[in-house]
Every structure is written in structure tokens, then in C-alpha cells.
């Protein structure tokens, strides 16, 4: 199994310059490769010759053949892995079933997050050692902090810079022991602001997150006002940079709180239950308005499913996915009656029968229950 750990890097001045150069080089290789890929693709369409279609090998070989002298002072694997990721992105472009389907885009140097990948990194005496190019004399191991265990075979390491800080994703191939069987089963109904399951609810938008989102909105407005007043000159001021750093700091706090909630809840599920049922939601189609879409994005439906899926695989638990069109909120868990047409429960309840959004009233058997509890029972019936 591949188990990934996130660690904070503390490079010295020399290695900080190396990491910055590699981040810039990764972006350069991606943009050069994408421009070449687009040219090859357009030429194959114009000339109607499939032999001219681009591929990962063709683009890589041409970029390597045209390397400038300064490129030999940087890791060769940075170019190779950038082109490899570009090939995967183009393969996904032809598969519209992908959740983030779309044509690969050029990378911007103004993006708040910059990074690169390497498959030749090593852990030596608790420090990260990158592959040293030929002709370079000064080279140091990088101190890291945050990883629980550094044992196992290290795979492709992702290193990125965000808000002046450096991070590394360290994937180790390790042997994970399956958890003891409990004989229990549960279902999770995801909602904006909370997750409901057989034992109760877990809040995904606690009060401290709401406070941080208000502060983020404040900083965003300050930056927008500065850009509107000063135009391109705004980004050059120290005041703008300081406000942007505060905004990125709060974004990092939000991400840490949300990930902590997801990790603890999914760990609790795989510890206590052998069979878990969740919904396979189409989040993009659920974004009915900008207000609803903001709540959906903040509730982390996709991350919850991703984390729960790999933990179930690790520890030998069964994960059941309900179909996207399964009427978990419209079906009565007692008699099986399914609401249709004007009888359905919507975002604001049911206007025809004057029912609230959070209550379920069955028009067949007369049962009245909480909407989330009813959905959980319907999902539990699928196991």
C-alpha cells in the first residue's frame, strides 16, 4: 500500500534557492511541453495525419533535444515528470467522465502555490536528500518536520511552496495491517455543514471556521479594492503583500481544520464499522446558485469520499456507493414510497405541502421523521 505523509521543510539559504529554481523549472517545462503538444495536435488535425498526433514520448524527446545549457544545472527528472503529468492531463481531456474534465492549461508564476516532483529523493538520517545535478558543489540535506514515520520505500515526492513555506508529500510503500472486524454497519448522509450517520452528526462547518471565512472575505475585499484603485501597481506595494500573506495564512488554517475533521471522522468509521454506505453525488450538478455552491465546496464531499475510500482499502473494510440517482431523501425508509414531481423535497422544503427542508412526511403511510435520519436509513438498506 502507498501511504502518504505531509511534512514541513526547513531548507537553508542554498537549498531554498534550489527549491525555488526547481519550482520555476517545473512550470517552464510544463508550459513548453504544453505549447509543443498543442502545436502537434493542431498540425495533426489540419493535415489529417494521425502519425503527427502528439504523445508523451515525442514531446519529451524534443524538449530534451532542445535543452539549453542552463537546464543541465537542474534536475533532469523535473522535466521528465512534468511531461509525464502533462500526458496524463491530455489523456483525461479525452475522458469527459473525469470530475475536473477540461483541456490542460498553462501554469502561471502568479499562482500562490508552486511546486515540482522528483522520484530520486531519499530520506537520510531523518532528512530529505534531493538528487544533485552534475557540476554542483554546494548541496545539503533538508530538515523536515511533521512526518510520523519515515520507514518504507519512498516513491515520487511532491514538493511545493506556498506563502513562503515549503512542504513535501512523502509517499511510502508500506505494509498496513487490517483492522479487527466489528460486525457493525453504518451509512453516512452528507449535507452542507454536517455529516449524518447512525450515531448522530459531525459538523463540517464549526463556528471557528465561520469566523475564518468572514476574515477571508474581509481580506479579499481589501485586495480587490487595492487592485481597483492602483491597478497593476497594487501588487508591488508592501501593504498588498502583507494583506495577501494574511489571506493565505487563513486559507491554510481553514484547510488544516477541515482536513482534521475529515481524517478523524473517517478513522472513527473504519475503526467501528465493517460496512459503510455513502452516496455517489454529482456535486457539479448540485450547484444550483453561487450561495449553494459555496456551501457545497466548503463541506468537502469529494475529499470525504476520497479519504474514506482509501482507508477502507487499507484496513479491509467494505464501502458501498449508492447510485447518483438513488432517491435517498425522497424515499420513505418505512414503507418504500418515493416522492415524485411536486411532492419532492427541495432546497426550501416542499411548497405544495408546506413542509420544511429538514423534515420528511410520507404521503403514503403518514410517517413523520427527520430528513437526514430517513436518508441514512435508506442508505443503510443498500448494504
Protein backbone atom coordinates (compact mmCIF):
# COMPACT_ATOMS: atom_id res chain seq x y z
CA UNK A 1 0.00 0.00 0.00
CA UNK A 2 1.07 3.60 -0.64
CA UNK A 3 0.76 5.78 2.46
CA UNK A 4 1.46 9.49 2.01
CA UNK A 5 2.63 11.82 4.76
CA UNK A 6 2.86 15.59 4.63
CA UNK A 7 5.96 17.22 6.10
CA UNK A 8 7.11 20.79 6.55
CA UNK A 9 10.54 21.51 5.04
CA UNK A 10 13.13 23.85 6.57
CA UNK A 11 15.78 24.42 3.87
CA UNK A 12 18.83 26.61 4.41
CA UNK A 13 19.53 29.58 2.14
CA UNK A 14 21.29 27.48 -0.50
CA UNK A 15 18.60 24.81 -0.72
CA UNK A 16 15.84 27.43 -0.61
CA UNK A 17 17.31 28.84 -3.83
CA UNK A 18 17.44 25.32 -5.28
CA UNK A 19 13.78 24.65 -4.43
CA UNK A 20 12.68 27.99 -5.90
CA UNK A 21 14.61 27.27 -9.12
CA UNK A 22 13.07 23.80 -9.40
CA UNK A 23 9.56 25.21 -8.89
CA UNK A 24 10.19 27.69 -11.70
CA UNK A 25 11.76 24.99 -13.87
CA UNK A 26 8.77 22.66 -13.43
CA UNK A 27 6.45 25.45 -14.56
CA UNK A 28 8.75 26.21 -17.52
CA UNK A 29 8.84 22.54 -18.61
CA UNK A 30 5.06 22.23 -18.33
CA UNK A 31 4.41 25.36 -20.39
CA UNK A 32 6.99 24.45 -23.03
CA UNK A 33 5.63 20.92 -23.27
CA UNK A 34 2.02 22.11 -23.46
CA UNK A 35 2.83 24.62 -26.23
CA UNK A 36 4.61 21.89 -28.20
CA UNK A 37 1.75 19.43 -27.57
CA UNK A 38 -0.82 21.97 -28.81
CA UNK A 39 1.21 22.62 -31.99
CA UNK A 40 1.49 18.89 -32.73
CA UNK A 41 -2.19 18.35 -32.06
CA UNK A 42 -3.24 21.25 -34.31
CA UNK A 43 -0.92 20.04 -37.09
CA UNK A 44 -2.41 16.53 -36.95
CA UNK A 45 -5.91 17.99 -37.32
CA UNK A 46 -5.02 20.36 -40.16
CA UNK A 47 -3.05 17.79 -42.16
CA UNK A 48 -5.40 14.95 -41.16
CA UNK A 49 -2.43 12.74 -40.35
CA UNK A 50 -2.69 10.57 -37.24
CA UNK A 51 1.07 9.96 -37.33
CA UNK A 52 1.57 13.59 -36.31
CA UNK A 53 -0.53 13.19 -33.14
CA UNK A 54 1.44 14.17 -30.04
CA UNK A 55 2.50 11.70 -27.38
CA UNK A 56 4.40 11.83 -24.16
CA UNK A 57 7.47 10.28 -25.78
CA UNK A 58 7.53 12.68 -28.75
CA UNK A 59 7.19 15.79 -26.58
CA UNK A 60 9.77 14.58 -24.07
CA UNK A 61 12.34 13.70 -26.73
CA UNK A 62 12.00 17.07 -28.44
CA UNK A 63 12.28 19.01 -25.20
CA UNK A 64 15.37 17.02 -24.19
CA UNK A 65 16.96 17.56 -27.61
CA UNK A 66 16.40 21.33 -27.37
CA UNK A 67 17.69 21.74 -23.80
CA UNK A 68 19.69 24.90 -23.12
CA UNK A 69 22.95 24.94 -21.14
CA UNK A 70 21.30 26.34 -18.00
CA UNK A 71 18.85 23.42 -17.89
CA UNK A 72 21.67 20.93 -17.23
CA UNK A 73 22.25 22.61 -13.85
CA UNK A 74 18.79 21.46 -12.70
CA UNK A 75 17.36 18.00 -12.06
CA UNK A 76 16.56 16.10 -15.27
CA UNK A 77 13.73 14.25 -13.52
CA UNK A 78 11.83 17.52 -13.13
CA UNK A 79 11.38 17.73 -16.91
CA UNK A 80 10.58 14.03 -17.27
CA UNK A 81 7.87 14.04 -14.60
CA UNK A 82 6.38 17.32 -15.84
CA UNK A 83 5.88 15.80 -19.29
CA UNK A 84 4.53 12.61 -17.71
CA UNK A 85 1.88 14.60 -15.81
CA UNK A 86 1.10 16.53 -19.00
CA UNK A 87 0.47 13.24 -20.80
CA UNK A 88 -1.94 12.16 -18.07
CA UNK A 89 -3.73 15.52 -18.25
CA UNK A 90 -4.21 15.16 -22.01
CA UNK A 91 -5.47 11.60 -21.59
CA UNK A 92 -8.05 12.90 -19.09
CA UNK A 93 -9.05 15.61 -21.58
CA UNK A 94 -10.49 12.92 -23.85
CA UNK A 95 -12.44 11.34 -20.97
CA UNK A 96 -15.42 13.54 -20.12
CA UNK A 97 -16.28 11.29 -17.18
CA UNK A 98 -13.45 12.90 -15.22
CA UNK A 99 -14.72 15.21 -12.44
CA UNK A 100 -12.40 18.10 -13.47
CA UNK A 101 -12.67 17.49 -17.19
CA UNK A 102 -11.06 20.12 -19.37
CA UNK A 103 -8.11 20.98 -21.58
CA UNK A 104 -4.72 21.36 -19.83
CA UNK A 105 -3.90 24.99 -19.05
CA UNK A 106 -0.63 26.90 -18.86
CA UNK A 107 0.85 27.44 -15.39
CA UNK A 108 1.16 30.99 -14.05
CA UNK A 109 4.05 32.31 -11.99
CA UNK A 110 1.49 34.36 -10.04
CA UNK A 111 -0.23 31.25 -8.68
CA UNK A 112 0.03 31.13 -4.88
CA UNK A 113 1.20 27.53 -4.99
CA UNK A 114 4.27 26.42 -6.96
CA UNK A 115 5.88 23.00 -6.89
CA UNK A 116 7.73 20.17 -8.59
CA UNK A 117 8.13 16.39 -8.39
CA UNK A 118 11.08 14.06 -8.12
CA UNK A 119 11.43 10.28 -7.92
CA UNK A 120 15.07 10.31 -6.82
CA UNK A 121 14.67 11.80 -3.36
CA UNK A 122 15.90 9.86 -0.32
CA UNK A 123 15.48 10.03 3.44
CA UNK A 124 18.95 10.12 5.04
CA UNK A 125 19.24 10.43 8.83
CA UNK A 126 15.73 11.87 9.09
CA UNK A 127 16.36 14.49 6.39
CA UNK A 128 15.28 14.80 2.76
CA UNK A 129 18.05 14.49 0.17
CA UNK A 130 17.34 15.56 -3.42
CA UNK A 131 19.26 14.31 -6.45
CA UNK A 132 22.24 16.57 -7.14
CA UNK A 133 22.92 17.57 -10.78
CA UNK A 134 26.44 17.21 -12.19
CA UNK A 135 28.82 20.11 -11.58
CA UNK A 136 27.09 21.38 -8.42
CA UNK A 137 29.32 21.53 -5.31
CA UNK A 138 27.19 23.02 -2.54
CA UNK A 139 24.34 20.65 -1.70
CA UNK A 140 22.65 19.96 1.63
CA UNK A 141 20.04 17.65 3.09
CA UNK A 142 16.79 19.39 4.04
CA UNK A 143 15.45 19.23 7.58
CA UNK A 144 11.81 18.18 7.79
CA UNK A 145 9.14 18.03 10.46
CA UNK A 146 5.63 16.60 10.71
CA UNK A 147 6.02 13.08 9.30
CA UNK A 148 5.07 10.40 11.83
CA UNK A 149 7.15 7.61 10.30
CA UNK A 150 9.88 7.67 7.63
CA UNK A 151 10.04 3.91 7.05
CA UNK A 152 9.29 2.21 3.73
CA UNK A 153 10.20 2.65 0.09
CA UNK A 154 9.92 6.30 -0.94
CA UNK A 155 8.04 6.91 -4.21
CA UNK A 156 7.53 10.12 -6.24
CA UNK A 157 7.86 13.07 -3.86
CA UNK A 158 5.88 16.27 -4.46
CA UNK A 159 7.44 19.45 -3.09
CA UNK A 160 5.64 22.76 -3.19
CA UNK A 161 5.98 26.34 -1.93
CA UNK A 162 3.01 28.22 -0.50
CA UNK A 163 3.05 31.58 1.30
CA UNK A 164 6.83 31.44 1.67
CA UNK A 165 6.77 28.00 3.31
CA UNK A 166 7.90 24.69 1.86
CA UNK A 167 6.07 21.37 2.12
CA UNK A 168 6.64 17.82 0.89
CA UNK A 169 4.24 14.94 0.25
CA UNK A 170 6.16 11.77 1.09
CA UNK A 171 4.53 8.59 -0.31
CA UNK A 172 5.90 5.42 1.28
CA UNK A 173 5.12 1.89 0.17
CA UNK A 174 4.39 0.14 3.45
CA UNK A 175 2.54 -2.91 4.72
CA UNK A 176 -0.67 -1.91 6.55
CA UNK A 177 -2.39 -4.30 8.92
CA UNK A 178 -6.14 -4.75 8.53
CA UNK A 179 -8.30 -3.72 11.49
CA UNK A 180 -10.27 -6.17 13.60
CA UNK A 181 -13.82 -6.98 12.45
CA UNK A 182 -16.65 -5.45 14.47
CA UNK A 183 -19.67 -6.91 12.67
CA UNK A 184 -21.33 -3.47 12.51
CA UNK A 185 -22.52 -1.42 9.56
CA UNK A 186 -23.44 2.23 9.07
CA UNK A 187 -24.39 4.79 6.43
CA UNK A 188 -23.37 8.43 6.03
CA UNK A 189 -25.60 11.12 4.53
CA UNK A 190 -23.54 14.17 3.56
CA UNK A 191 -25.12 17.60 3.89
CA UNK A 192 -23.99 21.20 3.75
CA UNK A 193 -22.50 21.89 7.17
CA UNK A 194 -22.71 18.40 8.65
CA UNK A 195 -22.49 14.65 8.05
CA UNK A 196 -25.27 12.45 9.44
CA UNK A 197 -24.79 8.77 10.31
CA UNK A 198 -26.35 6.17 12.58
CA UNK A 199 -24.68 7.54 15.73
CA UNK A 200 -25.51 11.23 15.19
CA UNK A 201 -23.96 14.17 13.35
CA UNK A 202 -20.50 15.57 12.67
CA UNK A 203 -20.22 19.30 11.96
CA UNK A 204 -18.07 20.21 8.96
CA UNK A 205 -18.53 23.96 9.36
CA UNK A 206 -17.94 24.71 13.08
CA UNK A 207 -18.01 28.25 14.47
CA UNK A 208 -14.24 28.78 14.24
CA UNK A 209 -14.45 28.07 10.51
CA UNK A 210 -17.25 30.57 10.06
CA UNK A 211 -15.11 33.22 11.78
CA UNK A 212 -12.17 32.44 9.47
CA UNK A 213 -14.38 32.62 6.37
CA UNK A 214 -15.58 36.07 7.45
CA UNK A 215 -11.99 37.20 7.87
CA UNK A 216 -11.08 35.73 4.47
CA UNK A 217 -13.92 37.72 2.91
CA UNK A 218 -12.57 40.87 4.58
CA UNK A 219 -9.04 40.35 3.21
CA UNK A 220 -10.37 39.53 -0.25
CA UNK A 221 -12.29 42.78 -0.33
CA UNK A 222 -9.22 44.74 0.80
CA UNK A 223 -7.12 43.23 -2.01
CA UNK A 224 -9.85 43.81 -4.59
CA UNK A 225 -10.14 47.45 -3.50
CA UNK A 226 -6.38 47.95 -3.79
CA UNK A 227 -6.33 46.41 -7.29
CA UNK A 228 -9.26 48.56 -8.38
CA UNK A 229 -7.61 51.74 -7.10
CA UNK A 230 -3.98 51.16 -8.10
CA UNK A 231 -4.25 48.64 -10.96
CA UNK A 232 -1.10 46.61 -11.66
CA UNK A 233 0.93 48.77 -9.27
CA UNK A 234 -1.05 47.42 -6.30
CA UNK A 235 0.79 44.10 -6.21
CA UNK A 236 4.15 45.89 -5.83
CA UNK A 237 3.32 47.53 -2.51
CA UNK A 238 4.35 46.07 0.85
CA UNK A 239 0.85 46.63 2.23
CA UNK A 240 -0.64 44.48 -0.55
CA UNK A 241 1.90 41.71 0.05
CA UNK A 242 1.21 41.77 3.80
CA UNK A 243 -2.56 41.53 3.30
CA UNK A 244 -2.12 38.71 0.78
CA UNK A 245 0.07 36.81 3.26
CA UNK A 246 -2.66 37.14 5.92
CA UNK A 247 -5.23 35.83 3.42
CA UNK A 248 -3.10 32.81 2.56
CA UNK A 249 -2.46 32.17 6.27
CA UNK A 250 -6.22 31.99 6.93
CA UNK A 251 -6.73 29.72 3.92
CA UNK A 252 -4.11 27.38 5.40
CA UNK A 253 -5.87 27.43 8.80
CA UNK A 254 -9.20 26.57 7.14
CA UNK A 255 -7.64 23.68 5.23
CA UNK A 256 -5.99 22.31 8.39
CA UNK A 257 -9.24 22.42 10.39
CA UNK A 258 -11.29 20.80 7.61
CA UNK A 259 -8.75 18.06 6.95
CA UNK A 260 -8.53 17.33 10.68
CA UNK A 261 -12.32 16.87 10.84
CA UNK A 262 -12.35 14.58 7.79
CA UNK A 263 -9.41 12.47 8.96
CA UNK A 264 -10.78 11.94 12.48
CA UNK A 265 -14.30 11.11 11.29
CA UNK A 266 -13.17 8.63 8.61
CA UNK A 267 -10.82 6.96 11.10
CA UNK A 268 -13.71 6.59 13.53
CA UNK A 269 -15.82 4.98 10.79
CA UNK A 270 -13.22 2.39 9.76
CA UNK A 271 -12.44 1.61 13.43
CA UNK A 272 -16.05 0.97 14.44
CA UNK A 273 -17.73 -0.42 11.30
CA UNK A 274 -17.06 -3.14 8.74
CA UNK A 275 -19.55 -1.95 6.10
CA UNK A 276 -20.13 1.71 5.23
CA UNK A 277 -22.60 3.13 2.69
CA UNK A 278 -22.38 6.65 1.21
CA UNK A 279 -23.86 8.49 -1.76
CA UNK A 280 -22.10 8.91 -5.10
CA UNK A 281 -23.05 12.58 -5.51
CA UNK A 282 -22.68 14.69 -8.65
CA UNK A 283 -21.55 17.86 -6.89
CA UNK A 284 -21.29 19.99 -10.03
CA UNK A 285 -24.95 19.46 -10.91
CA UNK A 286 -25.95 20.22 -7.31
CA UNK A 287 -24.53 23.75 -7.52
CA UNK A 288 -27.82 25.50 -8.21
CA UNK A 289 -26.67 29.01 -7.20
CA UNK A 290 -23.47 30.73 -6.10
CA UNK A 291 -24.70 30.63 -2.50
CA UNK A 292 -25.43 26.89 -2.58
CA UNK A 293 -22.21 26.11 -4.46
CA UNK A 294 -20.12 27.89 -1.83
CA UNK A 295 -21.61 25.74 0.92
CA UNK A 296 -21.13 22.57 -1.14
CA UNK A 297 -17.47 23.33 -1.79
CA UNK A 298 -16.82 24.11 1.87
CA UNK A 299 -18.44 20.85 3.00
CA UNK A 300 -15.75 18.77 1.23
CA UNK A 301 -17.95 15.99 -0.16
CA UNK A 302 -15.26 14.89 -2.61
CA UNK A 303 -12.45 14.83 -0.04
CA UNK A 304 -14.59 12.82 2.39
CA UNK A 305 -15.27 10.14 -0.22
CA UNK A 306 -11.62 10.05 -1.32
CA UNK A 307 -10.23 9.67 2.22
CA UNK A 308 -12.86 7.12 3.25
CA UNK A 309 -12.24 5.07 0.10
CA UNK A 310 -8.51 4.65 0.62
CA UNK A 311 -8.90 3.96 4.35
CA UNK A 312 -11.45 1.23 3.63
CA UNK A 313 -8.99 -0.26 1.16
CA UNK A 314 -6.15 -0.06 3.69
CA UNK A 315 -7.95 -1.70 6.58
CA UNK A 316 -10.11 -4.26 4.77
CA UNK A 317 -13.49 -2.54 5.17
CA UNK A 318 -16.33 -2.55 2.62
CA UNK A 319 -17.52 0.72 1.07
CA UNK A 320 -20.89 0.80 -0.70
CA UNK A 321 -21.69 3.64 -3.13
CA UNK A 322 -25.32 4.47 -3.77
CA UNK A 323 -26.15 5.40 -7.36
CA UNK A 324 -26.27 9.12 -8.21
CA UNK A 325 -29.99 8.83 -8.91
CA UNK A 326 -30.85 6.79 -5.81
CA UNK A 327 -33.69 8.75 -4.07
CA UNK A 328 -32.30 8.58 -0.53
CA UNK A 329 -34.00 11.85 0.51
CA UNK A 330 -37.27 11.23 -1.39
CA UNK A 331 -37.88 7.61 -0.35
CA UNK A 332 -39.70 6.63 2.83
CA UNK A 333 -37.48 4.28 4.85
CA UNK A 334 -40.56 2.62 6.43
CA UNK A 335 -42.91 1.82 3.54
CA UNK A 336 -40.69 2.47 0.48
CA UNK A 337 -42.88 5.20 -1.05
CA UNK A 338 -40.86 7.53 -3.36
CA UNK A 339 -41.89 11.14 -3.84
CA UNK A 340 -42.04 12.45 -7.41
CA UNK A 341 -42.94 15.68 -9.19
CA UNK A 342 -44.36 18.43 -6.98
CA UNK A 343 -44.22 16.17 -3.92
CA UNK A 344 -40.40 16.17 -3.82
CA UNK A 345 -38.41 17.85 -1.05
CA UNK A 346 -36.32 20.69 -2.46
CA UNK A 347 -33.82 23.20 -1.15
CA UNK A 348 -36.58 25.10 0.64
CA UNK A 349 -38.73 22.12 1.56
CA UNK A 350 -42.00 21.44 -0.28
CA UNK A 351 -44.12 24.45 -1.22
CA UNK A 352 -47.15 22.35 -2.18
CA UNK A 353 -47.50 20.59 1.18
CA UNK A 354 -45.86 23.38 3.24
CA UNK A 355 -43.21 21.07 4.71
CA UNK A 356 -39.75 22.17 5.88
CA UNK A 357 -36.43 21.26 4.32
CA UNK A 358 -35.26 19.20 7.29
CA UNK A 359 -38.38 17.08 7.76
CA UNK A 360 -39.73 14.11 5.82
CA UNK A 361 -43.50 13.50 5.71
CA UNK A 362 -44.62 10.35 3.90
CA UNK A 363 -47.86 10.86 1.95
CA UNK A 364 -48.43 7.09 1.78
CA UNK A 365 -48.08 5.81 5.37
CA UNK A 366 -48.12 9.17 7.18
CA UNK A 367 -44.70 8.73 8.82
CA UNK A 368 -43.03 11.93 10.03
CA UNK A 369 -39.29 11.86 10.65
CA UNK A 370 -36.10 13.87 10.29
CA UNK A 371 -34.98 14.15 6.68
CA UNK A 372 -31.33 13.22 7.41
CA UNK A 373 -32.27 10.22 9.57
CA UNK A 374 -34.58 8.98 6.82
CA UNK A 375 -31.77 9.30 4.24
CA UNK A 376 -29.35 7.41 6.50
CA UNK A 377 -31.81 4.54 6.91
CA UNK A 378 -32.38 4.37 3.13
CA UNK A 379 -28.62 4.18 2.53
CA UNK A 380 -28.28 1.55 5.26
CA UNK A 381 -30.86 -0.60 3.44
CA UNK A 382 -28.45 -0.92 0.48
CA UNK A 383 -25.90 -2.91 2.50
